[in-house]
Amino acid sequence: MATGPQGIPGIQGIQGPQGIPGPTGAQGPAGPQGIQGVKGDQGIQGVQGIQGPAGGPTGPTGPEGGPIGPTGYTGTTGPASTVTGPTGQTGSIGPTGSTGSTGPPSTVTGPTGQTGSIGPTGYTGPASTVTGPTGFTGSVGPTGYQGVDGSTGPTGQTGSVGPTGPASTVTGPTGPAGGGAGGGDTGPTGPTGLGSTGPTGPAGGGGGSSTLSINEITGTSQTLSSSNYNQFFYITNTGFNAITFPSTTATSAGGNYWTVRNATAVTLSITLTNTLSLTSPFYIPSSNSATFAISSVSSNTLLVV
């Protein structure tokens, strides 16, 4: 016979009464020590107690002891001490003894005494008759501005005509005869004879219209003399460093000159031989000229103009 489906569970019944407690079990093992607690704050300081009463009054001073007894007898002198006693105080200085006789001269030089103070300045002596040494030459001052060009001199006299050359010894060819009645045309002029032309006469001196005499200097030195009066010297060598002047100049040569032009890109330092009142070395800046003229007032004197 087949089993049917399970029925619905019934309602739970009411709980029964509590049973009687059983006996106490054995004590379990001690548990681990707990963590130490945090230290508490310090308590407030208590109030100071009341000071106790002062002690009783000081007692009276006891009576003073009896009188001092008589001094005892002096004992016998003991044996001599083996210990040196302390040095006594120095006695007063005795009277000075009489001076002894002078000893022999010392062979040792004594120390040098201190230098005495400087005495007053003496009277000024008479003027010296001896000339003192010449002081050092001062540095060369800057080159002065170039002076204004002088006026043109008068035109020189025309030179004389040279002598006529010798007559030609060669006869020129005869021209062709003219044609026609009444005489033909004149034939062409024959060629000039072979005789040479006479030399040209000397040029007039000092003419203002004469050409400049310019010397282009490529060396390192130049001599200036009466043979090259009134000429220009055009310097192109940066190593140029020396000029020689005449040893003397006369006032009768006054007005003659030499003009030196520095055409280089550097300042030239030039040593002068026979300075004739000038200072050596003489400096000519780049692209500048210096004209040395003979004085007509003072001999042996050059003027820079």
Protein backbone atom coordinates (compact mmCIF):
# COMPACT_ATOMS: atom_id res chain seq x y z
CA MET A 1 0.00 0.00 0.00
CA ALA A 2 1.60 3.39 -0.93
CA THR A 3 2.55 6.08 1.71
CA GLY A 4 0.78 9.39 1.44
CA PRO A 5 2.49 12.85 1.64
CA GLN A 6 3.85 14.13 4.94
CA GLY A 7 1.47 16.22 6.91
CA ILE A 8 2.00 19.83 8.05
CA PRO A 9 4.26 20.13 11.19
CA GLY A 10 2.37 20.79 14.37
CA ILE A 11 2.75 23.92 16.61
CA GLN A 12 5.81 23.94 18.99
CA GLY A 13 4.93 23.03 22.50
CA ILE A 14 5.43 25.21 25.63
CA GLN A 15 9.03 25.23 27.14
CA GLY A 16 9.35 23.02 30.16
CA PRO A 17 10.70 24.26 33.58
CA GLN A 18 14.49 24.79 34.16
CA GLY A 19 16.31 21.77 35.47
CA ILE A 20 18.38 21.69 38.70
CA PRO A 21 21.92 23.26 38.30
CA GLY A 22 24.71 20.77 38.05
CA PRO A 23 27.88 20.86 40.21
CA THR A 24 30.54 23.63 39.71
CA GLY A 25 33.23 22.60 37.30
CA ALA A 26 36.99 22.76 38.00
CA GLN A 27 38.64 26.24 37.85
CA GLY A 28 40.15 26.92 34.50
CA PRO A 29 43.72 28.06 34.05
CA ALA A 30 44.64 31.75 34.77
CA GLY A 31 44.33 33.97 31.76
CA PRO A 32 47.25 36.09 30.45
CA GLN A 33 48.18 39.30 32.32
CA GLY A 34 46.38 42.28 30.98
CA ILE A 35 48.12 45.33 29.51
CA GLN A 36 49.35 47.86 32.13
CA GLY A 37 47.03 50.77 32.38
CA VAL A 38 48.02 54.38 31.71
CA LYS A 39 49.63 56.20 34.67
CA GLY A 40 47.22 58.59 36.25
CA ASP A 41 47.87 62.35 36.69
CA GLN A 42 49.71 63.54 39.82
CA GLY A 43 47.36 64.67 42.52
CA ILE A 44 47.15 68.29 43.69
CA GLN A 45 49.67 69.26 46.40
CA GLY A 46 48.07 69.50 49.82
CA VAL A 47 47.83 72.72 51.85
CA GLN A 48 50.90 73.52 54.01
CA GLY A 49 50.34 72.82 57.67
CA ILE A 50 50.32 75.54 60.38
CA GLN A 51 53.79 76.34 61.83
CA GLY A 52 54.21 75.13 65.40
CA PRO A 53 54.87 77.55 68.34
CA ALA A 54 58.45 78.84 68.99
CA GLY A 55 60.58 77.18 71.68
CA GLY A 56 61.09 78.62 75.16
CA PRO A 57 63.37 81.66 76.01
CA THR A 58 67.22 81.41 75.98
CA GLY A 59 68.67 80.50 79.35
CA PRO A 60 71.06 82.86 81.27
CA THR A 61 74.85 82.85 80.58
CA GLY A 62 76.88 80.74 82.95
CA PRO A 63 79.46 82.31 85.36
CA GLU A 64 83.00 83.17 84.03
CA GLY A 65 85.83 80.76 84.95
CA GLY A 66 88.37 81.38 87.76
CA PRO A 67 91.44 83.69 87.61
CA ILE A 68 94.56 82.84 85.42
CA GLY A 69 97.24 80.91 87.28
CA PRO A 70 100.90 82.13 87.71
CA THR A 71 103.48 81.65 84.87
CA GLY A 72 105.54 78.47 85.19
CA TYR A 73 109.35 78.34 85.47
CA THR A 74 111.44 78.63 82.28
CA GLY A 75 112.77 75.26 81.19
CA THR A 76 116.42 74.53 80.46
CA THR A 77 117.87 75.45 77.02
CA GLY A 78 117.58 72.62 74.58
CA PRO A 79 120.36 71.44 72.22
CA ALA A 80 121.40 73.60 69.20
CA SER A 81 118.96 73.41 66.29
CA THR A 82 120.10 71.65 63.13
CA VAL A 83 117.60 73.53 60.99
CA THR A 84 118.47 76.99 59.55
CA GLY A 85 116.01 79.56 60.66
CA PRO A 86 114.36 82.06 58.29
CA THR A 87 116.47 84.96 56.91
CA GLY A 88 116.14 88.09 58.93
CA GLN A 89 115.12 91.45 57.45
CA THR A 90 117.76 93.39 55.46
CA GLY A 91 119.54 95.98 57.57
CA SER A 92 119.73 99.68 56.63
CA ILE A 93 122.34 100.75 54.01
CA GLY A 94 125.62 101.83 55.55
CA PRO A 95 127.38 105.13 54.65
CA THR A 96 128.96 105.47 51.17
CA GLY A 97 132.64 104.58 51.07
CA SER A 98 135.29 106.92 49.65
CA THR A 99 135.77 106.94 45.83
CA GLY A 100 138.51 104.59 44.64
CA SER A 101 141.26 105.58 42.25
CA THR A 102 140.46 105.76 38.49
CA GLY A 103 140.95 102.44 36.75
CA PRO A 104 142.79 101.97 33.41
CA PRO A 105 140.97 103.02 30.18
CA SER A 106 138.38 100.51 29.00
CA THR A 107 139.20 98.49 25.89
CA VAL A 108 135.55 97.85 25.12
CA THR A 109 133.51 100.46 23.25
CA GLY A 110 130.36 101.36 25.10
CA PRO A 111 126.93 101.34 23.43
CA THR A 112 126.11 104.23 21.10
CA GLY A 113 124.06 106.91 22.75
CA GLN A 114 120.69 108.02 21.41
CA THR A 115 120.69 110.44 18.50
CA GLY A 116 120.22 113.99 19.64
CA SER A 117 117.39 116.17 18.38
CA ILE A 118 117.88 118.07 15.10
CA GLY A 119 119.32 121.52 15.58
CA PRO A 120 117.76 124.68 14.14
CA THR A 121 118.16 125.38 10.41
CA GLY A 122 121.27 127.39 9.59
CA TYR A 123 121.30 130.66 7.67
CA THR A 124 120.88 130.41 3.92
CA GLY A 125 124.26 130.51 2.21
CA PRO A 126 125.11 132.67 -0.81
CA ALA A 127 123.82 131.65 -4.24
CA SER A 128 125.81 128.85 -5.87
CA THR A 129 128.08 129.77 -8.75
CA VAL A 130 127.93 126.23 -10.17
CA THR A 131 125.12 125.32 -12.54
CA GLY A 132 123.23 122.21 -11.45
CA PRO A 133 122.72 119.23 -13.77
CA THR A 134 120.20 119.63 -16.53
CA GLY A 135 116.79 118.15 -15.65
CA PHE A 136 115.19 115.37 -17.64
CA THR A 137 113.79 116.37 -20.99
CA GLY A 138 109.99 116.56 -20.86
CA SER A 139 107.85 114.52 -23.16
CA VAL A 140 107.24 115.84 -26.65
CA GLY A 141 104.07 117.87 -26.89
CA PRO A 142 101.42 117.18 -29.51
CA THR A 143 102.07 118.33 -33.07
CA GLY A 144 100.72 121.80 -33.66
CA TYR A 145 98.15 122.62 -36.30
CA GLN A 146 99.50 122.92 -39.81
CA GLY A 147 100.17 126.53 -40.70
CA VAL A 148 98.53 128.39 -43.56
CA ASP A 149 100.23 127.94 -46.92
CA GLY A 150 102.47 130.84 -47.84
CA SER A 151 101.72 133.04 -50.83
CA THR A 152 103.10 132.02 -54.22
CA GLY A 153 106.52 133.43 -54.96
CA PRO A 154 107.14 135.66 -57.98
CA THR A 155 107.62 134.05 -61.37
CA GLY A 156 111.25 133.38 -62.13
CA GLN A 157 113.01 134.94 -65.07
CA THR A 158 112.85 133.14 -68.38
CA GLY A 159 116.00 131.21 -69.12
CA SER A 160 118.20 132.33 -71.99
CA VAL A 161 117.77 130.71 -75.40
CA GLY A 162 120.28 128.01 -76.15
CA PRO A 163 122.75 128.47 -79.06
CA THR A 164 121.65 127.57 -82.58
CA GLY A 165 122.72 124.15 -83.68
CA PRO A 166 125.25 123.78 -86.54
CA ALA A 167 124.00 124.11 -90.12
CA SER A 168 122.99 120.91 -91.87
CA THR A 169 125.55 119.53 -94.33
CA VAL A 170 122.93 117.62 -96.30
CA THR A 171 120.99 119.41 -99.02
CA GLY A 172 117.36 118.54 -99.23
CA PRO A 173 116.00 117.14 -102.51
CA THR A 174 114.87 119.66 -105.12
CA GLY A 175 111.14 119.82 -105.64
CA PRO A 176 109.68 118.94 -109.07
CA ALA A 177 109.55 121.69 -111.64
CA GLY A 178 106.28 123.57 -111.95
CA GLY A 179 104.26 123.08 -115.17
CA GLY A 180 102.61 125.60 -117.45
CA ALA A 181 103.46 129.02 -118.74
CA GLY A 182 104.41 131.82 -116.47
CA GLY A 183 106.09 129.62 -114.05
CA GLY A 184 104.87 126.57 -112.19
CA ASP A 185 103.80 126.25 -108.56
CA THR A 186 106.51 126.16 -105.90
CA GLY A 187 107.66 122.67 -105.15
CA PRO A 188 107.29 121.13 -101.67
CA THR A 189 109.77 122.06 -98.95
CA GLY A 190 112.63 119.69 -98.61
CA PRO A 191 113.16 117.72 -95.41
CA THR A 192 114.85 119.31 -92.41
CA GLY A 193 118.56 118.98 -92.31
CA LEU A 194 120.17 116.40 -90.07
CA GLY A 195 121.92 118.94 -87.82
CA SER A 196 121.04 118.55 -84.06
CA THR A 197 119.14 121.20 -82.09
CA GLY A 198 121.15 123.19 -79.57
CA PRO A 199 120.67 122.47 -75.79
CA THR A 200 117.83 124.14 -73.87
CA GLY A 201 118.84 127.11 -71.74
CA PRO A 202 118.67 126.83 -67.88
CA ALA A 203 115.25 127.27 -66.20
CA GLY A 204 114.52 130.46 -64.28
CA GLY A 205 115.05 130.16 -60.50
CA GLY A 206 112.33 130.41 -57.79
CA GLY A 207 109.40 130.73 -60.17
CA GLY A 208 106.01 130.21 -58.47
CA SER A 209 104.75 128.37 -61.48
CA SER A 210 107.47 125.71 -61.33
CA THR A 211 106.42 122.14 -60.49
CA LEU A 212 106.79 120.64 -56.98
CA SER A 213 109.88 118.60 -56.31
CA ILE A 214 108.63 115.48 -54.51
CA ASN A 215 110.85 112.66 -53.27
CA GLU A 216 109.13 109.38 -52.42
CA ILE A 217 111.09 107.82 -49.56
CA THR A 218 110.97 104.02 -49.20
CA GLY A 219 114.05 103.68 -46.98
CA THR A 220 114.35 104.20 -43.20
CA SER A 221 116.38 107.46 -43.12
CA GLN A 222 116.91 110.74 -45.02
CA THR A 223 119.57 113.46 -45.06
CA LEU A 224 118.27 117.02 -45.47
CA SER A 225 120.81 119.58 -46.71
CA SER A 226 121.17 122.68 -48.87
CA SER A 227 121.21 120.40 -51.92
CA ASN A 228 117.54 119.52 -51.40
CA TYR A 229 116.13 122.83 -50.06
CA ASN A 230 112.41 123.49 -50.67
CA GLN A 231 111.53 119.91 -51.51
CA PHE A 232 108.85 117.50 -50.29
CA PHE A 233 109.65 114.06 -48.88
CA TYR A 234 106.80 111.55 -49.09
CA ILE A 235 107.44 108.68 -46.62
CA THR A 236 105.76 105.32 -47.28
CA ASN A 237 107.90 103.05 -45.07
CA THR A 238 106.54 102.42 -41.53
CA GLY A 239 110.13 101.66 -40.45
CA PHE A 240 111.38 105.19 -41.25
CA ASN A 241 113.17 106.43 -38.10
CA ALA A 242 116.03 108.88 -38.79
CA ILE A 243 116.63 112.36 -40.25
CA THR A 244 120.03 114.09 -40.48
CA PHE A 245 120.03 117.92 -40.64
CA PRO A 246 123.00 120.18 -41.47
CA SER A 247 125.36 120.69 -38.54
CA THR A 248 124.81 124.49 -38.78
CA THR A 249 122.40 126.93 -40.44
CA ALA A 250 122.89 130.63 -41.22
CA THR A 251 120.24 133.35 -41.11
CA SER A 252 121.13 134.17 -44.70
CA ALA A 253 119.53 130.84 -45.67
CA GLY A 254 116.36 131.73 -43.75
CA GLY A 255 113.11 130.73 -45.45
CA ASN A 256 114.47 127.59 -47.07
CA TYR A 257 112.63 124.51 -45.89
CA TRP A 258 112.04 120.76 -46.15
CA THR A 259 108.53 119.25 -45.85
CA VAL A 260 108.22 115.66 -44.64
CA ARG A 261 104.90 113.84 -45.12
CA ASN A 262 104.00 110.68 -43.15
CA ALA A 263 101.93 108.71 -45.66
CA THR A 264 101.87 105.57 -43.47
CA ALA A 265 99.12 104.34 -41.13
CA VAL A 266 101.27 104.67 -37.96
CA THR A 267 102.88 107.50 -35.99
CA LEU A 268 106.58 107.78 -36.90
CA SER A 269 109.17 108.23 -34.12
CA ILE A 270 112.17 109.87 -35.79
CA THR A 271 115.65 110.29 -34.26
CA LEU A 272 117.22 113.62 -35.27
CA THR A 273 120.94 114.08 -35.90
CA ASN A 274 122.02 117.76 -35.49
CA THR A 275 118.77 118.78 -33.79
CA LEU A 276 119.27 122.55 -34.34
CA SER A 277 116.99 123.52 -31.38
CA LEU A 278 114.50 120.68 -32.00
CA THR A 279 113.74 117.78 -29.63
CA SER A 280 114.69 114.22 -30.56
CA PRO A 281 112.90 111.92 -31.16
CA PHE A 282 110.44 113.87 -33.28
CA TYR A 283 106.95 112.42 -33.85
CA ILE A 284 104.84 112.77 -37.01
CA PRO A 285 101.33 111.28 -36.72
CA SER A 286 99.84 109.23 -39.54
CA SER A 287 98.71 111.26 -42.58
CA ASN A 288 100.38 114.43 -41.23
CA SER A 289 103.20 116.64 -42.48
CA ALA A 290 105.97 118.60 -40.75
CA THR A 291 107.80 121.48 -42.45
CA PHE A 292 111.26 122.33 -41.09
CA ALA A 293 112.16 125.92 -42.01
CA ILE A 294 115.51 127.66 -41.44
CA SER A 295 115.20 130.70 -39.18
CA SER A 296 116.15 134.06 -40.67
CA VAL A 297 116.52 135.54 -37.17
CA SER A 298 118.58 132.99 -35.22
CA SER A 299 121.43 130.91 -36.60
CA ASN A 300 121.52 127.15 -36.03
CA THR A 301 117.77 127.19 -35.53
CA LEU A 302 115.00 125.26 -37.30
CA LEU A 303 111.32 126.20 -37.04
CA VAL A 304 108.52 123.65 -37.36
CA VAL A 305 105.68 125.23 -39.36
